[in-house]
Amino acid sequence: MTFGPITIDHIGIATASLDDASTFWSLLGLARAGTDETVEEQGVTTRFFDTGIDEHRHAPKVELLEPTGPETPVGRFLERRGPGVQQVCFHVGNLEGLIAHLMDNGVVMIDEVPRRGAGGKRIAFVHPKSTGGVLVELTSSE
């Protein structure tokens, strides 16, 4: 079975303030990618930074995540763990096929059916109890 190519799409970092957290990534030399976007369904405002340009494939991004309130998933994450890596996102070639394959093999999905995320991308989250404690996001441009 093939669900690829599978590449790192972005790393999501929870922060209380997009502006405060942006300083380091800008000093590192990363350029902002697009404009900030509020994703109401997830209770978060996002800001992306490009890690570079790869003419052969998508270059991974850094995504800063600021909660729109304390009772949102990122708000609760910050309360429990503080700022830091909240999720790792993989771009896959066949999102529905991979979700079905994972579920057939006992992996617990938060999203059994893809939904819309930042940038209008189709996304699905894998529950951390199936990944060794890491929240994994899957995305596809299909």
N, C-alpha and C. Protein backbone atom coordinates (compact mmCIF):
# COMPACT_ATOMS: atom_id res chain seq x y z
N MET A 1 0.84 -1.19 0.00
CA MET A 1 0.00 0.00 0.00
C MET A 1 0.88 1.24 0.00
N THR A 2 0.46 2.21 -0.76
CA THR A 2 1.20 3.46 -0.78
C THR A 2 0.25 4.62 -0.51
N PHE A 3 0.67 5.49 0.34
CA PHE A 3 -0.13 6.66 0.70
C PHE A 3 0.64 7.94 0.47
N GLY A 4 1.75 7.84 -0.22
CA GLY A 4 2.66 8.95 -0.35
C GLY A 4 2.61 9.62 -1.68
N PRO A 5 3.60 10.45 -1.88
CA PRO A 5 4.74 10.61 -0.98
C PRO A 5 4.32 11.24 0.35
N ILE A 6 5.04 10.88 1.40
CA ILE A 6 4.76 11.42 2.73
C ILE A 6 5.95 12.27 3.15
N THR A 7 5.66 13.55 3.43
CA THR A 7 6.71 14.49 3.82
C THR A 7 6.24 15.31 5.02
N ILE A 8 7.18 15.89 5.72
CA ILE A 8 6.78 16.80 6.81
C ILE A 8 6.21 18.06 6.18
N ASP A 9 4.99 18.40 6.55
CA ASP A 9 4.34 19.61 6.05
C ASP A 9 4.70 20.80 6.94
N HIS A 10 4.50 20.63 8.25
CA HIS A 10 4.85 21.70 9.19
C HIS A 10 4.93 21.17 10.61
N ILE A 11 5.55 21.97 11.45
CA ILE A 11 5.59 21.71 12.89
C ILE A 11 4.80 22.83 13.54
N GLY A 12 3.79 22.46 14.34
CA GLY A 12 2.94 23.44 15.01
C GLY A 12 3.44 23.74 16.41
N ILE A 13 3.59 25.01 16.72
CA ILE A 13 4.12 25.45 18.01
C ILE A 13 3.07 26.32 18.70
N ALA A 14 2.65 25.88 19.88
CA ALA A 14 1.66 26.63 20.66
C ALA A 14 2.34 27.81 21.34
N THR A 15 1.66 28.96 21.30
CA THR A 15 2.19 30.17 21.92
C THR A 15 1.03 31.03 22.42
N ALA A 16 1.28 31.80 23.44
CA ALA A 16 0.26 32.72 23.93
C ALA A 16 0.17 33.97 23.07
N SER A 17 1.24 34.25 22.28
CA SER A 17 1.27 35.46 21.47
C SER A 17 2.03 35.21 20.17
N LEU A 18 1.33 35.34 19.05
CA LEU A 18 1.99 35.19 17.75
C LEU A 18 3.12 36.19 17.59
N ASP A 19 2.88 37.43 17.99
CA ASP A 19 3.90 38.47 17.80
C ASP A 19 5.15 38.19 18.63
N ASP A 20 4.97 37.81 19.89
CA ASP A 20 6.13 37.52 20.74
C ASP A 20 6.90 36.32 20.21
N ALA A 21 6.19 35.28 19.80
CA ALA A 21 6.85 34.06 19.32
C ALA A 21 7.50 34.25 17.95
N SER A 22 7.03 35.21 17.18
CA SER A 22 7.56 35.43 15.83
C SER A 22 8.98 35.98 15.82
N THR A 23 9.37 36.66 16.89
CA THR A 23 10.68 37.31 16.92
C THR A 23 11.80 36.34 16.61
N PHE A 24 11.82 35.20 17.30
CA PHE A 24 12.91 34.24 17.09
C PHE A 24 12.95 33.74 15.66
N TRP A 25 11.78 33.35 15.12
CA TRP A 25 11.74 32.76 13.78
C TRP A 25 12.16 33.78 12.73
N SER A 26 11.83 35.04 12.95
CA SER A 26 12.28 36.10 12.04
C SER A 26 13.80 36.30 12.16
N LEU A 27 14.33 36.30 13.39
CA LEU A 27 15.77 36.45 13.59
C LEU A 27 16.53 35.29 12.96
N LEU A 28 15.91 34.11 12.96
CA LEU A 28 16.52 32.93 12.36
C LEU A 28 16.62 33.08 10.85
N GLY A 29 15.81 33.97 10.30
CA GLY A 29 15.85 34.22 8.86
C GLY A 29 14.68 33.63 8.10
N LEU A 30 13.70 33.11 8.82
CA LEU A 30 12.53 32.55 8.14
C LEU A 30 11.57 33.68 7.77
N ALA A 31 10.99 33.57 6.61
CA ALA A 31 10.05 34.58 6.12
C ALA A 31 8.61 34.16 6.41
N ARG A 32 7.80 35.13 6.80
CA ARG A 32 6.38 34.83 7.00
C ARG A 32 5.77 34.38 5.69
N ALA A 33 4.92 33.39 5.80
CA ALA A 33 4.25 32.83 4.62
C ALA A 33 2.78 33.19 4.70
N GLY A 34 2.36 34.12 3.89
CA GLY A 34 0.95 34.50 3.88
C GLY A 34 0.59 35.37 5.06
N THR A 35 -0.71 35.44 5.32
CA THR A 35 -1.23 36.26 6.42
C THR A 35 -1.76 35.36 7.53
N ASP A 36 -1.89 35.93 8.70
CA ASP A 36 -2.46 35.19 9.83
C ASP A 36 -3.88 34.76 9.47
N GLU A 37 -4.28 33.61 10.01
CA GLU A 37 -5.62 33.10 9.73
C GLU A 37 -6.23 32.55 11.02
N THR A 38 -7.46 32.95 11.30
CA THR A 38 -8.18 32.39 12.43
C THR A 38 -9.05 31.24 11.92
N VAL A 39 -8.87 30.08 12.54
CA VAL A 39 -9.65 28.89 12.21
C VAL A 39 -10.62 28.69 13.37
N GLU A 40 -11.83 29.22 13.21
CA GLU A 40 -12.82 29.22 14.29
C GLU A 40 -13.11 27.82 14.82
N GLU A 41 -13.24 26.85 13.93
CA GLU A 41 -13.57 25.48 14.33
C GLU A 41 -12.55 24.91 15.31
N GLN A 42 -11.29 25.34 15.17
CA GLN A 42 -10.23 24.85 16.04
C GLN A 42 -9.87 25.84 17.15
N GLY A 43 -10.47 27.03 17.13
CA GLY A 43 -10.21 28.02 18.17
C GLY A 43 -8.77 28.49 18.19
N VAL A 44 -8.22 28.79 17.01
CA VAL A 44 -6.81 29.13 16.92
C VAL A 44 -6.58 30.15 15.81
N THR A 45 -5.57 31.00 16.03
CA THR A 45 -5.07 31.86 14.98
C THR A 45 -3.68 31.36 14.62
N THR A 46 -3.43 31.20 13.32
CA THR A 46 -2.17 30.62 12.87
C THR A 46 -1.32 31.64 12.13
N ARG A 47 -0.01 31.43 12.21
CA ARG A 47 0.96 32.21 11.44
C ARG A 47 2.03 31.24 10.98
N PHE A 48 2.27 31.20 9.67
CA PHE A 48 3.25 30.27 9.11
C PHE A 48 4.54 30.99 8.73
N PHE A 49 5.65 30.26 8.84
CA PHE A 49 6.96 30.72 8.40
C PHE A 49 7.54 29.67 7.46
N ASP A 50 8.10 30.12 6.33
CA ASP A 50 8.76 29.23 5.38
C ASP A 50 10.14 28.85 5.88
N THR A 51 10.52 27.59 5.67
CA THR A 51 11.87 27.16 6.02
C THR A 51 12.80 27.19 4.82
N GLY A 52 12.26 27.47 3.66
CA GLY A 52 13.08 27.54 2.46
C GLY A 52 12.27 27.17 1.25
N ILE A 53 12.93 27.13 0.14
CA ILE A 53 12.29 26.77 -1.12
C ILE A 53 12.99 25.54 -1.67
N ASP A 54 12.22 24.53 -1.97
CA ASP A 54 12.74 23.32 -2.59
C ASP A 54 12.00 23.16 -3.89
N GLU A 55 12.71 23.24 -4.99
CA GLU A 55 12.03 23.20 -6.29
C GLU A 55 11.44 21.84 -6.62
N HIS A 56 11.81 20.81 -5.88
CA HIS A 56 11.33 19.46 -6.18
C HIS A 56 10.17 19.01 -5.30
N ARG A 57 10.01 19.64 -4.14
CA ARG A 57 8.92 19.25 -3.24
C ARG A 57 8.62 20.39 -2.28
N HIS A 58 7.56 20.21 -1.53
CA HIS A 58 7.12 21.19 -0.54
C HIS A 58 8.16 21.29 0.58
N ALA A 59 8.59 22.50 0.90
CA ALA A 59 9.50 22.70 2.03
C ALA A 59 8.67 22.83 3.30
N PRO A 60 9.06 22.15 4.38
CA PRO A 60 8.29 22.23 5.63
C PRO A 60 8.21 23.67 6.14
N LYS A 61 7.16 23.94 6.90
CA LYS A 61 6.94 25.25 7.49
C LYS A 61 6.93 25.13 9.02
N VAL A 62 7.05 26.26 9.67
CA VAL A 62 6.82 26.39 11.11
C VAL A 62 5.48 27.10 11.24
N GLU A 63 4.58 26.53 12.02
CA GLU A 63 3.26 27.13 12.24
C GLU A 63 3.16 27.54 13.70
N LEU A 64 2.94 28.82 13.94
CA LEU A 64 2.68 29.30 15.29
C LEU A 64 1.18 29.27 15.51
N LEU A 65 0.77 28.82 16.69
CA LEU A 65 -0.64 28.63 17.03
C LEU A 65 -0.98 29.43 18.28
N GLU A 66 -1.83 30.43 18.14
CA GLU A 66 -2.28 31.23 19.28
C GLU A 66 -3.76 30.91 19.51
N PRO A 67 -4.12 30.47 20.73
CA PRO A 67 -5.53 30.13 20.97
C PRO A 67 -6.42 31.37 20.97
N THR A 68 -7.66 31.18 20.54
CA THR A 68 -8.62 32.29 20.59
C THR A 68 -9.27 32.37 21.97
N GLY A 69 -9.03 31.37 22.82
CA GLY A 69 -9.56 31.37 24.18
C GLY A 69 -8.96 30.23 24.98
N PRO A 70 -9.15 30.23 26.30
CA PRO A 70 -8.53 29.21 27.15
C PRO A 70 -9.15 27.82 27.02
N GLU A 71 -10.38 27.72 26.55
CA GLU A 71 -11.06 26.42 26.46
C GLU A 71 -10.95 25.79 25.08
N THR A 72 -10.01 26.25 24.28
CA THR A 72 -9.75 25.67 22.97
C THR A 72 -8.67 24.60 23.12
N PRO A 73 -8.49 23.72 22.13
CA PRO A 73 -7.43 22.71 22.25
C PRO A 73 -6.04 23.31 22.51
N VAL A 74 -5.68 24.37 21.81
CA VAL A 74 -4.36 24.98 22.03
C VAL A 74 -4.33 25.73 23.36
N GLY A 75 -5.44 26.34 23.74
CA GLY A 75 -5.53 26.99 25.05
C GLY A 75 -5.30 26.00 26.18
N ARG A 76 -5.93 24.84 26.08
CA ARG A 76 -5.74 23.79 27.10
C ARG A 76 -4.32 23.24 27.07
N PHE A 77 -3.76 23.10 25.88
CA PHE A 77 -2.37 22.64 25.75
C PHE A 77 -1.43 23.60 26.49
N LEU A 78 -1.60 24.90 26.26
CA LEU A 78 -0.75 25.89 26.92
C LEU A 78 -0.90 25.84 28.44
N GLU A 79 -2.13 25.66 28.90
CA GLU A 79 -2.38 25.59 30.34
C GLU A 79 -1.67 24.37 30.96
N ARG A 80 -1.72 23.23 30.28
CA ARG A 80 -1.13 21.99 30.81
C ARG A 80 0.39 21.94 30.64
N ARG A 81 0.87 22.37 29.45
CA ARG A 81 2.27 22.13 29.11
C ARG A 81 3.10 23.38 28.87
N GLY A 82 2.43 24.50 28.69
CA GLY A 82 3.16 25.72 28.36
C GLY A 82 3.48 25.76 26.87
N PRO A 83 4.17 26.81 26.43
CA PRO A 83 4.47 26.95 25.02
C PRO A 83 5.42 25.86 24.54
N GLY A 84 5.28 25.50 23.28
CA GLY A 84 6.18 24.50 22.70
C GLY A 84 5.52 23.76 21.56
N VAL A 85 6.21 22.72 21.08
CA VAL A 85 5.70 21.93 19.96
C VAL A 85 4.38 21.28 20.37
N GLN A 86 3.35 21.57 19.59
CA GLN A 86 2.01 21.05 19.87
C GLN A 86 1.67 19.89 18.94
N GLN A 87 2.19 19.93 17.70
CA GLN A 87 1.91 18.86 16.76
C GLN A 87 2.92 18.84 15.63
N VAL A 88 3.01 17.68 14.98
CA VAL A 88 3.80 17.50 13.77
C VAL A 88 2.83 17.10 12.68
N CYS A 89 2.93 17.76 11.53
CA CYS A 89 2.00 17.52 10.43
C CYS A 89 2.73 16.90 9.24
N PHE A 90 2.15 15.83 8.70
CA PHE A 90 2.69 15.16 7.53
C PHE A 90 1.75 15.37 6.34
N HIS A 91 2.33 15.72 5.21
CA HIS A 91 1.58 15.82 3.95
C HIS A 91 1.60 14.43 3.32
N VAL A 92 0.42 13.93 2.97
CA VAL A 92 0.31 12.59 2.41
C VAL A 92 -0.38 12.67 1.05
N GLY A 93 -0.19 11.64 0.24
CA GLY A 93 -0.78 11.62 -1.08
C GLY A 93 -2.22 11.15 -1.09
N ASN A 94 -2.58 10.27 -0.16
CA ASN A 94 -3.92 9.68 -0.12
C ASN A 94 -4.43 9.72 1.31
N LEU A 95 -5.05 10.82 1.69
CA LEU A 95 -5.47 11.03 3.07
C LEU A 95 -6.52 10.02 3.51
N GLU A 96 -7.59 9.86 2.75
CA GLU A 96 -8.64 8.91 3.14
C GLU A 96 -8.10 7.49 3.23
N GLY A 97 -7.27 7.11 2.26
CA GLY A 97 -6.70 5.76 2.27
C GLY A 97 -5.82 5.53 3.48
N LEU A 98 -5.02 6.52 3.85
CA LEU A 98 -4.16 6.39 5.02
C LEU A 98 -4.97 6.32 6.30
N ILE A 99 -6.02 7.15 6.41
CA ILE A 99 -6.88 7.09 7.60
C ILE A 99 -7.48 5.70 7.75
N ALA A 100 -8.02 5.16 6.67
CA ALA A 100 -8.62 3.82 6.71
C ALA A 100 -7.58 2.77 7.10
N HIS A 101 -6.38 2.87 6.52
CA HIS A 101 -5.30 1.93 6.83
C HIS A 101 -4.92 2.00 8.31
N LEU A 102 -4.77 3.21 8.83
CA LEU A 102 -4.41 3.37 10.24
C LEU A 102 -5.49 2.79 11.15
N MET A 103 -6.75 3.11 10.86
CA MET A 103 -7.86 2.61 11.68
C MET A 103 -7.96 1.09 11.60
N ASP A 104 -7.74 0.53 10.42
CA ASP A 104 -7.77 -0.94 10.26
C ASP A 104 -6.70 -1.61 11.10
N ASN A 105 -5.66 -0.84 11.46
CA ASN A 105 -4.56 -1.39 12.25
C ASN A 105 -4.58 -0.90 13.69
N GLY A 106 -5.76 -0.45 14.16
CA GLY A 106 -5.95 -0.13 15.56
C GLY A 106 -5.52 1.25 16.00
N VAL A 107 -5.15 2.11 15.07
CA VAL A 107 -4.75 3.48 15.41
C VAL A 107 -6.01 4.29 15.70
N VAL A 108 -5.97 5.03 16.80
CA VAL A 108 -7.12 5.86 17.19
C VAL A 108 -6.99 7.22 16.51
N MET A 109 -8.01 7.57 15.76
CA MET A 109 -8.05 8.84 15.05
C MET A 109 -8.94 9.82 15.81
N ILE A 110 -8.53 11.07 15.91
CA ILE A 110 -9.41 12.13 16.40
C ILE A 110 -10.42 12.46 15.31
N ASP A 111 -9.92 12.48 14.07
CA ASP A 111 -10.77 12.75 12.90
C ASP A 111 -10.78 11.51 12.01
N GLU A 112 -11.90 10.81 11.99
CA GLU A 112 -12.01 9.64 11.10
C GLU A 112 -12.36 10.06 9.68
N VAL A 113 -12.81 11.30 9.53
CA VAL A 113 -13.13 11.90 8.23
C VAL A 113 -12.39 13.23 8.17
N PRO A 114 -11.70 13.52 7.07
CA PRO A 114 -10.98 14.79 6.98
C PRO A 114 -11.91 15.99 7.16
N ARG A 115 -11.33 17.07 7.72
CA ARG A 115 -12.05 18.34 7.86
C ARG A 115 -11.16 19.44 7.30
N ARG A 116 -11.66 20.66 7.30
CA ARG A 116 -10.89 21.80 6.79
C ARG A 116 -10.07 22.43 7.90
N GLY A 117 -8.82 22.73 7.57
CA GLY A 117 -7.93 23.40 8.51
C GLY A 117 -7.44 24.71 7.93
N ALA A 118 -6.35 25.21 8.45
CA ALA A 118 -5.77 26.48 7.98
C ALA A 118 -5.47 26.39 6.49
N GLY A 119 -5.68 27.49 5.81
CA GLY A 119 -5.43 27.55 4.38
C GLY A 119 -6.40 26.73 3.56
N GLY A 120 -7.49 26.27 4.19
CA GLY A 120 -8.47 25.45 3.48
C GLY A 120 -8.02 24.03 3.20
N LYS A 121 -6.87 23.63 3.77
CA LYS A 121 -6.36 22.28 3.55
C LYS A 121 -7.25 21.25 4.25
N ARG A 122 -7.30 20.07 3.69
CA ARG A 122 -7.99 18.95 4.32
C ARG A 122 -7.04 18.34 5.34
N ILE A 123 -7.52 18.14 6.56
CA ILE A 123 -6.67 17.63 7.63
C ILE A 123 -7.40 16.55 8.43
N ALA A 124 -6.61 15.77 9.16
CA ALA A 124 -7.14 14.80 10.12
C ALA A 124 -6.06 14.61 11.19
N PHE A 125 -6.49 14.52 12.44
CA PHE A 125 -5.55 14.33 13.55
C PHE A 125 -5.58 12.90 14.04
N VAL A 126 -4.38 12.40 14.37
CA VAL A 126 -4.21 11.08 14.98
C VAL A 126 -4.07 11.30 16.49
N HIS A 127 -4.78 10.50 17.28
CA HIS A 127 -4.73 10.67 18.74
C HIS A 127 -3.33 10.34 19.27
N PRO A 128 -2.81 11.17 20.18
CA PRO A 128 -1.47 10.94 20.72
C PRO A 128 -1.28 9.59 21.40
N LYS A 129 -2.35 8.97 21.89
CA LYS A 129 -2.15 7.66 22.54
C LYS A 129 -1.78 6.57 21.54
N SER A 130 -1.94 6.85 20.25
CA SER A 130 -1.53 5.88 19.22
C SER A 130 -0.17 6.19 18.62
N THR A 131 0.45 7.30 19.03
CA THR A 131 1.70 7.73 18.40
C THR A 131 2.86 7.85 19.38
N GLY A 132 2.66 7.40 20.60
CA GLY A 132 3.70 7.56 21.60
C GLY A 132 3.70 8.93 22.25
N GLY A 133 2.54 9.60 22.22
CA GLY A 133 2.40 10.87 22.92
C GLY A 133 2.49 12.11 22.04
N VAL A 134 2.64 11.95 20.74
CA VAL A 134 2.76 13.09 19.83
C VAL A 134 1.45 13.28 19.08
N LEU A 135 0.91 14.50 19.09
CA LEU A 135 -0.26 14.79 18.26
C LEU A 135 0.23 14.89 16.82
N VAL A 136 -0.31 14.02 15.97
CA VAL A 136 0.08 13.99 14.56
C VAL A 136 -1.09 14.49 13.73
N GLU A 137 -0.80 15.46 12.87
CA GLU A 137 -1.78 15.96 11.92
C GLU A 137 -1.40 15.42 10.55
N LEU A 138 -2.40 14.99 9.80
CA LEU A 138 -2.20 14.55 8.43
C LEU A 138 -2.91 15.53 7.52
N THR A 139 -2.29 15.86 6.39
CA THR A 139 -2.92 16.79 5.45
C THR A 139 -2.67 16.32 4.03
N SER A 140 -3.53 16.78 3.16
CA SER A 140 -3.41 16.45 1.75
C SER A 140 -3.94 17.60 0.92
N SER A 141 -3.38 17.77 -0.24
CA SER A 141 -3.87 18.83 -1.12
C SER A 141 -4.87 18.30 -2.13
N GLU A 142 -5.23 17.03 -2.01
CA GLU A 142 -6.20 16.42 -2.95
C GLU A 142 -7.57 16.97 -2.78
